[in-house]
Amino acid sequence: MKITTAGSLGNVATPLVKKLVAAGHQVTVITSNPEKRSAIETLGAIAAVGSITDASFLTTAFNDADAVYTMMPPSMGPGNMIENIARAGQAYADAIMSAGVKRVVFLSSIGADAVAGTGPIQGVNRVEQIYRQLPGINITVLRSGFFYVNFFRDIPLIKNRNIFGNNYGGEDKLVLTHPEDLAAAIADELQSKGNGFEVKYVVSDISTGNEVASILGKAIGKPDLSWTVVPDQQLTEAMTAGGLPAELAGLITELGQGLRAGIITKDFFDQGASVTGKRKLEQFAEEFKDRYQQV
């Protein structure tokens, strides 16, 4: 098969590309960074350098592809982020139609069923709605939980101030996903025919903030590490002080509010809360320990 993937060589895309190349497929990897060309070619793939907001470029990258994988960066631009994500989604859709692609896998997020109250996830909600309108294409939307690897961002604060937490409670349920589990699911879907427009969840584990703090704390030799609830305003101010654009900081704060209100996880639990991934929190704790020791 000829398969085109977005995501450059990120946490999900790298293991995905390796799996597809190992399976014997011809893989084209979209990247906005020309410096990634060599690393992509080293993996045995073809680099396509351009922007996911450029429908003409995407059409060329999608031409003759039997299947394409699309995704959105965590943030797009210093302002109007939701609109920017939606515009990129429309560029993807236009290119899919122009290139005659018949099989698409889109990486979405838990909470993308909700139209508001989910912070940056509202962007992929908009893209899902765009994709629903595409005729004659087998599209699988894979909604991921929160990435385990996002906890790496908390390491400096744990080391310097022994603080670990967010603006939701320690007993709020967290739906978590390992990038390797996600890559495996995407690879499987790209190599399958699909069945119209489908939505599936890819989840590795379900835990609470208190449980995460306990498990990761024990792994790094801090058995007393506990979950700290950070007030909304304090969280927003800390993020902007750390250099995040005010709009993105506000959206991330809203995401936490949506989690504690149950908006983000509602559909997943209503659908039966199926855990399909293999890599559990206890296993990730070893990865966290290794990263913690390196920082």
C-alpha atoms as a PDB file:
ATOM      1  CA  MET A   1       0.000   0.000   0.000  1.00  0.00           C
ATOM      2  CA  LYS A   2       0.904   3.640  -0.469  1.00  0.00           C
ATOM      3  CA  ILE A   3       0.220   5.477   2.792  1.00  0.00           C
ATOM      4  CA  THR A   4       0.672   9.154   3.642  1.00  0.00           C
ATOM      5  CA  THR A   5       0.992  10.176   7.281  1.00  0.00           C
ATOM      6  CA  ALA A   6       0.890  13.545   9.029  1.00  0.00           C
ATOM      7  CA  GLY A   7       2.493  14.321  12.373  1.00  0.00           C
ATOM      8  CA  SER A   8       6.090  14.426  11.124  1.00  0.00           C
ATOM      9  CA  LEU A   9       8.134  12.347  13.625  1.00  0.00           C
ATOM     10  CA  GLY A  10       6.201  13.049  16.814  1.00  0.00           C
ATOM     11  CA  ASN A  11       5.360  10.780  19.748  1.00  0.00           C
ATOM     12  CA  VAL A  12       2.755   8.874  17.745  1.00  0.00           C
ATOM     13  CA  ALA A  13       3.998   9.315  14.187  1.00  0.00           C
ATOM     14  CA  THR A  14       7.484   7.862  14.756  1.00  0.00           C
ATOM     15  CA  PRO A  15       6.343   4.423  15.981  1.00  0.00           C
ATOM     16  CA  LEU A  16       3.547   4.519  13.386  1.00  0.00           C
ATOM     17  CA  VAL A  17       5.927   5.086  10.484  1.00  0.00           C
ATOM     18  CA  LYS A  18       8.241   2.348  11.762  1.00  0.00           C
ATOM     19  CA  LYS A  19       5.344  -0.123  11.907  1.00  0.00           C
ATOM     20  CA  LEU A  20       4.112   0.726   8.419  1.00  0.00           C
ATOM     21  CA  VAL A  21       7.574   0.568   6.834  1.00  0.00           C
ATOM     22  CA  ALA A  22       8.259  -2.749   8.585  1.00  0.00           C
ATOM     23  CA  ALA A  23       5.007  -4.079   7.127  1.00  0.00           C
ATOM     24  CA  GLY A  24       6.303  -3.313   3.646  1.00  0.00           C
ATOM     25  CA  HIS A  25       4.254  -0.235   2.779  1.00  0.00           C
ATOM     26  CA  GLN A  26       5.458   2.800   0.836  1.00  0.00           C
ATOM     27  CA  VAL A  27       5.128   5.609   3.367  1.00  0.00           C
ATOM     28  CA  THR A  28       5.174   9.355   2.741  1.00  0.00           C
ATOM     29  CA  VAL A  29       5.570  11.502   5.859  1.00  0.00           C
ATOM     30  CA  ILE A  30       4.310  15.078   5.936  1.00  0.00           C
ATOM     31  CA  THR A  31       6.481  17.499   7.876  1.00  0.00           C
ATOM     32  CA  SER A  32       6.670  21.285   8.056  1.00  0.00           C
ATOM     33  CA  ASN A  33      10.335  21.120   9.035  1.00  0.00           C
ATOM     34  CA  PRO A  34      12.797  20.494   6.174  1.00  0.00           C
ATOM     35  CA  GLU A  35      15.420  19.506   8.730  1.00  0.00           C
ATOM     36  CA  LYS A  36      13.399  16.345   9.431  1.00  0.00           C
ATOM     37  CA  ARG A  37      13.857  15.073   5.871  1.00  0.00           C
ATOM     38  CA  SER A  38      16.991  13.076   6.652  1.00  0.00           C
ATOM     39  CA  ALA A  39      15.496  11.417   9.751  1.00  0.00           C
ATOM     40  CA  ILE A  40      12.365  10.487   7.796  1.00  0.00           C
ATOM     41  CA  GLU A  41      14.397   8.967   4.981  1.00  0.00           C
ATOM     42  CA  THR A  42      16.507   7.059   7.504  1.00  0.00           C
ATOM     43  CA  LEU A  43      13.322   5.306   8.610  1.00  0.00           C
ATOM     44  CA  GLY A  44      12.740   4.206   5.023  1.00  0.00           C
ATOM     45  CA  ALA A  45       9.974   6.715   4.270  1.00  0.00           C
ATOM     46  CA  ILE A  46       9.590   9.614   1.838  1.00  0.00           C
ATOM     47  CA  ALA A  47       9.473  13.183   3.181  1.00  0.00           C
ATOM     48  CA  ALA A  48       6.861  15.652   1.947  1.00  0.00           C
ATOM     49  CA  VAL A  49       7.735  19.117   3.271  1.00  0.00           C
ATOM     50  CA  GLY A  50       4.910  21.627   3.534  1.00  0.00           C
ATOM     51  CA  SER A  51       2.035  22.954   5.608  1.00  0.00           C
ATOM     52  CA  ILE A  52      -1.128  21.108   6.594  1.00  0.00           C
ATOM     53  CA  THR A  53      -3.015  24.343   5.983  1.00  0.00           C
ATOM     54  CA  ASP A  54      -2.059  24.233   2.284  1.00  0.00           C
ATOM     55  CA  ALA A  55      -4.694  22.184   0.436  1.00  0.00           C
ATOM     56  CA  SER A  56      -2.665  22.201  -2.797  1.00  0.00           C
ATOM     57  CA  PHE A  57       0.396  20.776  -1.060  1.00  0.00           C
ATOM     58  CA  LEU A  58      -1.730  18.181   0.743  1.00  0.00           C
ATOM     59  CA  THR A  59      -3.378  17.123  -2.510  1.00  0.00           C
ATOM     60  CA  THR A  60       0.033  16.407  -3.993  1.00  0.00           C
ATOM     61  CA  ALA A  61       1.062  14.486  -0.855  1.00  0.00           C
ATOM     62  CA  PHE A  62      -2.174  12.462  -0.981  1.00  0.00           C
ATOM     63  CA  ASN A  63      -2.114  11.666  -4.711  1.00  0.00           C
ATOM     64  CA  ASP A  64      -2.124   7.903  -5.386  1.00  0.00           C
ATOM     65  CA  ALA A  65      -2.310   7.152  -1.641  1.00  0.00           C
ATOM     66  CA  ASP A  66      -4.353   4.097  -0.695  1.00  0.00           C
ATOM     67  CA  ALA A  67      -4.794   5.524   2.804  1.00  0.00           C
ATOM     68  CA  VAL A  68      -3.908   8.683   4.717  1.00  0.00           C
ATOM     69  CA  TYR A  69      -3.453   9.465   8.394  1.00  0.00           C
ATOM     70  CA  THR A  70      -4.305  12.993   9.523  1.00  0.00           C
ATOM     71  CA  MET A  71      -3.848  14.761  12.830  1.00  0.00           C
ATOM     72  CA  MET A  72      -3.695  18.231  14.362  1.00  0.00           C
ATOM     73  CA  PRO A  73      -0.820  19.795  16.341  1.00  0.00           C
ATOM     74  CA  PRO A  74      -1.645  20.657  19.982  1.00  0.00           C
ATOM     75  CA  SER A  75      -1.846  24.335  19.048  1.00  0.00           C
ATOM     76  CA  MET A  76      -1.813  26.255  15.803  1.00  0.00           C
ATOM     77  CA  GLY A  77      -0.629  29.847  15.872  1.00  0.00           C
ATOM     78  CA  PRO A  78      -0.529  32.411  18.687  1.00  0.00           C
ATOM     79  CA  GLY A  79      -4.186  33.356  18.223  1.00  0.00           C
ATOM     80  CA  ASN A  80      -7.518  32.066  16.867  1.00  0.00           C
ATOM     81  CA  MET A  81      -6.364  28.525  17.594  1.00  0.00           C
ATOM     82  CA  ILE A  82      -9.735  26.801  17.257  1.00  0.00           C
ATOM     83  CA  GLU A  83     -10.397  28.512  13.945  1.00  0.00           C
ATOM     84  CA  ASN A  84      -6.893  27.664  12.733  1.00  0.00           C
ATOM     85  CA  ILE A  85      -7.426  23.989  13.529  1.00  0.00           C
ATOM     86  CA  ALA A  86     -10.776  24.033  11.735  1.00  0.00           C
ATOM     87  CA  ARG A  87      -9.189  25.659   8.672  1.00  0.00           C
ATOM     88  CA  ALA A  88      -6.484  22.996   8.594  1.00  0.00           C
ATOM     89  CA  GLY A  89      -9.201  20.358   8.865  1.00  0.00           C
ATOM     90  CA  GLN A  90     -10.943  21.888   5.851  1.00  0.00           C
ATOM     91  CA  ALA A  91      -7.636  21.860   3.937  1.00  0.00           C
ATOM     92  CA  TYR A  92      -7.281  18.154   4.731  1.00  0.00           C
ATOM     93  CA  ALA A  93     -10.861  17.523   3.572  1.00  0.00           C
ATOM     94  CA  ASP A  94     -10.389  19.457   0.328  1.00  0.00           C
ATOM     95  CA  ALA A  95      -7.184  17.544  -0.427  1.00  0.00           C
ATOM     96  CA  ILE A  96      -8.788  14.188   0.385  1.00  0.00           C
ATOM     97  CA  MET A  97     -11.550  14.890  -2.114  1.00  0.00           C
ATOM     98  CA  SER A  98      -9.233  16.336  -4.773  1.00  0.00           C
ATOM     99  CA  ALA A  99      -6.794  13.426  -4.556  1.00  0.00           C
ATOM    100  CA  GLY A 100      -9.568  10.821  -4.540  1.00  0.00           C
ATOM    101  CA  VAL A 101      -8.483   9.225  -1.265  1.00  0.00           C
ATOM    102  CA  LYS A 102     -10.850   6.466  -0.134  1.00  0.00           C
ATOM    103  CA  ARG A 103      -9.402   5.544   3.276  1.00  0.00           C
ATOM    104  CA  VAL A 104      -8.709   8.069   6.059  1.00  0.00           C
ATOM    105  CA  VAL A 105      -7.746   7.694   9.715  1.00  0.00           C
ATOM    106  CA  PHE A 106      -8.001  10.831  11.842  1.00  0.00           C
ATOM    107  CA  LEU A 107      -6.487  11.241  15.300  1.00  0.00           C
ATOM    108  CA  SER A 108      -9.016  12.978  17.525  1.00  0.00           C
ATOM    109  CA  SER A 109      -9.434  13.220  21.281  1.00  0.00           C
ATOM    110  CA  ILE A 110     -11.647  12.122  24.080  1.00  0.00           C
ATOM    111  CA  GLY A 111     -14.176  14.904  24.565  1.00  0.00           C
ATOM    112  CA  ALA A 112     -14.418  15.678  20.853  1.00  0.00           C
ATOM    113  CA  ASP A 113     -18.116  14.789  20.930  1.00  0.00           C
ATOM    114  CA  ALA A 114     -18.771  18.029  22.875  1.00  0.00           C
ATOM    115  CA  VAL A 115     -19.029  21.331  21.024  1.00  0.00           C
ATOM    116  CA  ALA A 116     -17.940  23.544  23.927  1.00  0.00           C
ATOM    117  CA  GLY A 117     -16.321  23.520  27.357  1.00  0.00           C
ATOM    118  CA  THR A 118     -13.362  21.361  26.332  1.00  0.00           C
ATOM    119  CA  GLY A 119     -10.603  23.874  25.636  1.00  0.00           C
ATOM    120  CA  PRO A 120      -8.406  23.042  22.615  1.00  0.00           C
ATOM    121  CA  ILE A 121     -10.399  19.845  21.972  1.00  0.00           C
ATOM    122  CA  GLN A 122     -13.072  22.049  20.412  1.00  0.00           C
ATOM    123  CA  GLY A 123     -10.784  22.256  17.381  1.00  0.00           C
ATOM    124  CA  VAL A 124     -10.876  18.537  16.623  1.00  0.00           C
ATOM    125  CA  ASN A 125     -14.621  18.543  17.242  1.00  0.00           C
ATOM    126  CA  ARG A 126     -14.867  20.999  14.346  1.00  0.00           C
ATOM    127  CA  VAL A 127     -12.672  18.762  12.172  1.00  0.00           C
ATOM    128  CA  GLU A 128     -14.763  15.685  12.975  1.00  0.00           C
ATOM    129  CA  GLN A 129     -17.846  17.565  11.763  1.00  0.00           C
ATOM    130  CA  ILE A 130     -16.067  18.506   8.522  1.00  0.00           C
ATOM    131  CA  TYR A 131     -15.059  14.891   7.920  1.00  0.00           C
ATOM    132  CA  ARG A 132     -18.615  13.667   8.527  1.00  0.00           C
ATOM    133  CA  GLN A 133     -19.692  15.551   5.406  1.00  0.00           C
ATOM    134  CA  LEU A 134     -17.226  13.808   3.068  1.00  0.00           C
ATOM    135  CA  PRO A 135     -19.073  11.385   0.766  1.00  0.00           C
ATOM    136  CA  GLY A 136     -17.935   7.946  -0.333  1.00  0.00           C
ATOM    137  CA  ILE A 137     -14.916   7.698   1.965  1.00  0.00           C
ATOM    138  CA  ASN A 138     -14.190   5.217   4.759  1.00  0.00           C
ATOM    139  CA  ILE A 139     -13.131   7.459   7.655  1.00  0.00           C
ATOM    140  CA  THR A 140     -12.157   6.169  11.079  1.00  0.00           C
ATOM    141  CA  VAL A 141     -11.877   8.726  13.864  1.00  0.00           C
ATOM    142  CA  LEU A 142      -9.669   7.479  16.701  1.00  0.00           C
ATOM    143  CA  ARG A 143     -10.279   9.404  19.914  1.00  0.00           C
ATOM    144  CA  SER A 144      -7.281   9.191  22.206  1.00  0.00           C
ATOM    145  CA  GLY A 145      -7.196   9.695  25.943  1.00  0.00           C
ATOM    146  CA  PHE A 146      -4.678  12.078  27.500  1.00  0.00           C
ATOM    147  CA  PHE A 147      -1.130  11.040  26.657  1.00  0.00           C
ATOM    148  CA  TYR A 148       0.906   9.490  29.463  1.00  0.00           C
ATOM    149  CA  VAL A 149       3.937  11.351  28.156  1.00  0.00           C
ATOM    150  CA  ASN A 150       2.311  14.694  29.000  1.00  0.00           C
ATOM    151  CA  PHE A 151       3.218  13.942  32.620  1.00  0.00           C
ATOM    152  CA  PHE A 152       6.859  14.518  31.639  1.00  0.00           C
ATOM    153  CA  ARG A 153       6.042  18.246  31.705  1.00  0.00           C
ATOM    154  CA  ASP A 154       5.456  18.006  35.455  1.00  0.00           C
ATOM    155  CA  ILE A 155       8.941  16.734  36.263  1.00  0.00           C
ATOM    156  CA  PRO A 156      10.580  20.157  36.890  1.00  0.00           C
ATOM    157  CA  LEU A 157       7.804  21.181  39.289  1.00  0.00           C
ATOM    158  CA  ILE A 158       8.016  17.853  41.118  1.00  0.00           C
ATOM    159  CA  LYS A 159      11.780  18.186  41.439  1.00  0.00           C
ATOM    160  CA  ASN A 160      11.860  21.821  42.448  1.00  0.00           C
ATOM    161  CA  ARG A 161       8.715  22.176  44.572  1.00  0.00           C
ATOM    162  CA  ASN A 162       7.384  18.644  45.094  1.00  0.00           C
ATOM    163  CA  ILE A 163       4.105  19.704  43.452  1.00  0.00           C
ATOM    164  CA  PHE A 164       2.120  17.500  41.071  1.00  0.00           C
ATOM    165  CA  GLY A 165      -1.413  18.271  39.990  1.00  0.00           C
ATOM    166  CA  ASN A 166      -3.792  20.314  37.893  1.00  0.00           C
ATOM    167  CA  ASN A 167      -7.040  22.275  38.134  1.00  0.00           C
ATOM    168  CA  TYR A 168      -9.202  19.190  38.577  1.00  0.00           C
ATOM    169  CA  GLY A 169      -9.634  16.959  41.591  1.00  0.00           C
ATOM    170  CA  GLY A 170      -7.598  13.996  42.680  1.00  0.00           C
ATOM    171  CA  GLU A 171     -10.614  11.715  42.386  1.00  0.00           C
ATOM    172  CA  ASP A 172     -11.631  12.858  38.896  1.00  0.00           C
ATOM    173  CA  LYS A 173     -11.168   9.982  36.469  1.00  0.00           C
ATOM    174  CA  LEU A 174      -8.418  10.369  33.886  1.00  0.00           C
ATOM    175  CA  VAL A 175      -8.595   8.479  30.604  1.00  0.00           C
ATOM    176  CA  LEU A 176      -5.005   7.811  29.523  1.00  0.00           C
ATOM    177  CA  THR A 177      -3.316   6.591  26.342  1.00  0.00           C
ATOM    178  CA  HIS A 178       0.203   5.476  25.515  1.00  0.00           C
ATOM    179  CA  PRO A 179       1.528   6.697  22.133  1.00  0.00           C
ATOM    180  CA  GLU A 180       2.661   3.177  21.240  1.00  0.00           C
ATOM    181  CA  ASP A 181      -0.867   1.822  21.741  1.00  0.00           C
ATOM    182  CA  LEU A 182      -2.194   4.648  19.612  1.00  0.00           C
ATOM    183  CA  ALA A 183       0.354   4.028  16.858  1.00  0.00           C
ATOM    184  CA  ALA A 184      -0.579   0.350  16.776  1.00  0.00           C
ATOM    185  CA  ALA A 185      -4.280   1.167  16.483  1.00  0.00           C
ATOM    186  CA  ILE A 186      -3.671   3.701  13.691  1.00  0.00           C
ATOM    187  CA  ALA A 187      -1.489   1.227  11.785  1.00  0.00           C
ATOM    188  CA  ASP A 188      -4.180  -1.457  12.035  1.00  0.00           C
ATOM    189  CA  GLU A 189      -6.875   0.922  10.779  1.00  0.00           C
ATOM    190  CA  LEU A 190      -4.781   2.203   7.871  1.00  0.00           C
ATOM    191  CA  GLN A 191      -4.303  -1.369   6.698  1.00  0.00           C
ATOM    192  CA  SER A 192      -8.021  -2.161   6.928  1.00  0.00           C
ATOM    193  CA  LYS A 193     -10.855  -1.177   4.608  1.00  0.00           C
ATOM    194  CA  GLY A 194     -12.961   0.722   7.136  1.00  0.00           C
ATOM    195  CA  ASN A 195     -16.736   0.991   7.179  1.00  0.00           C
ATOM    196  CA  GLY A 196     -18.075   4.438   6.381  1.00  0.00           C
ATOM    197  CA  PHE A 197     -17.673   7.038   9.125  1.00  0.00           C
ATOM    198  CA  GLU A 198     -16.700   5.413  12.437  1.00  0.00           C
ATOM    199  CA  VAL A 199     -15.601   6.709  15.835  1.00  0.00           C
ATOM    200  CA  LYS A 200     -13.455   4.516  18.092  1.00  0.00           C
ATOM    201  CA  TYR A 201     -11.624   5.151  21.368  1.00  0.00           C
ATOM    202  CA  VAL A 202      -8.010   4.131  21.976  1.00  0.00           C
ATOM    203  CA  VAL A 203      -7.424   4.024  25.734  1.00  0.00           C
ATOM    204  CA  SER A 204      -4.625   2.337  27.669  1.00  0.00           C
ATOM    205  CA  ASP A 205      -5.801   2.870  31.249  1.00  0.00           C
ATOM    206  CA  ILE A 206      -8.255   4.710  33.485  1.00  0.00           C
ATOM    207  CA  SER A 207      -6.980   6.244  36.696  1.00  0.00           C
ATOM    208  CA  THR A 208      -7.384   9.212  39.029  1.00  0.00           C
ATOM    209  CA  GLY A 209      -4.979  12.007  39.819  1.00  0.00           C
ATOM    210  CA  ASN A 210      -4.430  10.541  43.269  1.00  0.00           C
ATOM    211  CA  GLU A 211      -3.566   7.146  41.795  1.00  0.00           C
ATOM    212  CA  VAL A 212      -1.239   8.684  39.214  1.00  0.00           C
ATOM    213  CA  ALA A 213       0.594  10.649  41.921  1.00  0.00           C
ATOM    214  CA  SER A 214       0.968   7.534  44.058  1.00  0.00           C
ATOM    215  CA  ILE A 215       2.240   5.287  41.274  1.00  0.00           C
ATOM    216  CA  LEU A 216       4.631   7.808  39.721  1.00  0.00           C
ATOM    217  CA  GLY A 217       5.775   8.987  43.156  1.00  0.00           C
ATOM    218  CA  LYS A 218       6.778   5.472  44.201  1.00  0.00           C
ATOM    219  CA  ALA A 219       8.623   4.971  40.907  1.00  0.00           C
ATOM    220  CA  ILE A 220      10.817   8.049  41.438  1.00  0.00           C
ATOM    221  CA  GLY A 221      11.435   7.497  45.144  1.00  0.00           C
ATOM    222  CA  LYS A 222       8.840  10.003  46.365  1.00  0.00           C
ATOM    223  CA  PRO A 223       6.183   7.766  47.957  1.00  0.00           C
ATOM    224  CA  ASP A 224       4.567  10.776  49.665  1.00  0.00           C
ATOM    225  CA  LEU A 225       3.918  12.604  46.370  1.00  0.00           C
ATOM    226  CA  SER A 226       0.279  13.654  46.343  1.00  0.00           C
ATOM    227  CA  TRP A 227      -2.132  15.291  43.933  1.00  0.00           C
ATOM    228  CA  THR A 228      -2.450  19.065  44.259  1.00  0.00           C
ATOM    229  CA  VAL A 229      -5.532  20.890  43.019  1.00  0.00           C
ATOM    230  CA  VAL A 230      -4.395  24.151  41.427  1.00  0.00           C
ATOM    231  CA  PRO A 231      -6.968  27.000  41.315  1.00  0.00           C
ATOM    232  CA  ASP A 232      -7.965  27.996  37.775  1.00  0.00           C
ATOM    233  CA  GLN A 233      -6.526  31.498  37.917  1.00  0.00           C
ATOM    234  CA  GLN A 234      -3.264  30.299  39.430  1.00  0.00           C
ATOM    235  CA  LEU A 235      -2.877  27.684  36.701  1.00  0.00           C
ATOM    236  CA  THR A 236      -3.533  30.208  33.938  1.00  0.00           C
ATOM    237  CA  GLU A 237      -1.089  32.699  35.423  1.00  0.00           C
ATOM    238  CA  ALA A 238       1.597  30.039  35.830  1.00  0.00           C
ATOM    239  CA  MET A 239       1.281  28.993  32.201  1.00  0.00           C
ATOM    240  CA  THR A 240       1.448  32.539  30.860  1.00  0.00           C
ATOM    241  CA  ALA A 241       4.397  33.281  33.137  1.00  0.00           C
ATOM    242  CA  GLY A 242       6.072  30.231  31.610  1.00  0.00           C
ATOM    243  CA  GLY A 243       5.671  31.674  28.120  1.00  0.00           C
ATOM    244  CA  LEU A 244       2.436  30.160  26.833  1.00  0.00           C
ATOM    245  CA  PRO A 245       0.199  32.498  24.817  1.00  0.00           C
ATOM    246  CA  ALA A 246      -2.718  33.765  26.897  1.00  0.00           C
ATOM    247  CA  GLU A 247      -5.265  32.172  24.572  1.00  0.00           C
ATOM    248  CA  LEU A 248      -3.688  28.722  24.827  1.00  0.00           C
ATOM    249  CA  ALA A 249      -3.323  29.022  28.616  1.00  0.00           C
ATOM    250  CA  GLY A 250      -7.006  29.877  28.837  1.00  0.00           C
ATOM    251  CA  LEU A 251      -7.975  26.920  26.650  1.00  0.00           C
ATOM    252  CA  ILE A 252      -5.896  24.507  28.737  1.00  0.00           C
ATOM    253  CA  THR A 253      -7.516  25.837  31.904  1.00  0.00           C
ATOM    254  CA  GLU A 254     -10.914  25.313  30.296  1.00  0.00           C
ATOM    255  CA  LEU A 255      -9.913  21.735  29.453  1.00  0.00           C
ATOM    256  CA  GLY A 256      -9.363  21.043  33.153  1.00  0.00           C
ATOM    257  CA  GLN A 257     -12.700  22.628  33.969  1.00  0.00           C
ATOM    258  CA  GLY A 258     -14.344  20.386  31.381  1.00  0.00           C
ATOM    259  CA  LEU A 259     -12.718  17.338  32.900  1.00  0.00           C
ATOM    260  CA  ARG A 260     -13.882  18.058  36.427  1.00  0.00           C
ATOM    261  CA  ALA A 261     -17.384  18.832  35.085  1.00  0.00           C
ATOM    262  CA  GLY A 262     -17.479  15.450  33.356  1.00  0.00           C
ATOM    263  CA  ILE A 263     -17.948  16.965  29.887  1.00  0.00           C
ATOM    264  CA  ILE A 264     -14.792  15.480  28.406  1.00  0.00           C
ATOM    265  CA  THR A 265     -15.188  11.899  29.604  1.00  0.00           C
ATOM    266  CA  LYS A 266     -18.990  11.591  29.402  1.00  0.00           C
ATOM    267  CA  ASP A 267     -19.289   9.976  25.963  1.00  0.00           C
ATOM    268  CA  PHE A 268     -16.429   7.554  26.622  1.00  0.00           C
ATOM    269  CA  PHE A 269     -18.057   6.263  29.803  1.00  0.00           C
ATOM    270  CA  ASP A 270     -21.509   6.286  28.200  1.00  0.00           C
ATOM    271  CA  GLN A 271     -20.100   4.060  25.425  1.00  0.00           C
ATOM    272  CA  GLY A 272     -18.870   1.496  27.938  1.00  0.00           C
ATOM    273  CA  ALA A 273     -15.385   2.764  28.834  1.00  0.00           C
ATOM    274  CA  SER A 274     -13.577   0.120  26.798  1.00  0.00           C
ATOM    275  CA  VAL A 275      -9.821  -0.077  27.448  1.00  0.00           C
ATOM    276  CA  THR A 276      -8.071  -1.473  24.365  1.00  0.00           C
ATOM    277  CA  GLY A 277      -4.431  -0.497  24.935  1.00  0.00           C
ATOM    278  CA  LYS A 278      -1.821  -2.783  26.460  1.00  0.00           C
ATOM    279  CA  ARG A 279       0.452  -0.336  28.280  1.00  0.00           C
ATOM    280  CA  LYS A 280      -0.807   0.368  31.783  1.00  0.00           C
ATOM    281  CA  LEU A 281       0.094   3.191  34.135  1.00  0.00           C
ATOM    282  CA  GLU A 282       2.433   0.985  36.166  1.00  0.00           C
ATOM    283  CA  GLN A 283       4.434   0.234  33.023  1.00  0.00           C
ATOM    284  CA  PHE A 284       4.604   3.892  32.045  1.00  0.00           C
ATOM    285  CA  ALA A 285       5.914   4.656  35.550  1.00  0.00           C
ATOM    286  CA  GLU A 286       9.211   3.044  34.525  1.00  0.00           C
ATOM    287  CA  GLU A 287       9.452   5.398  31.539  1.00  0.00           C
ATOM    288  CA  PHE A 288       8.637   8.295  33.848  1.00  0.00           C
ATOM    289  CA  LYS A 289      11.353   7.197  36.257  1.00  0.00           C
ATOM    290  CA  ASP A 290      13.948   7.093  33.458  1.00  0.00           C
ATOM    291  CA  ARG A 291      12.990  10.571  32.246  1.00  0.00           C
ATOM    292  CA  TYR A 292      12.917  11.931  35.804  1.00  0.00           C
ATOM    293  CA  GLN A 293      16.478  10.740  36.376  1.00  0.00           C
ATOM    294  CA  GLN A 294      17.657  12.386  33.153  1.00  0.00           C
ATOM    295  CA  VAL A 295      16.254  15.854  33.872  1.00  0.00           C
END
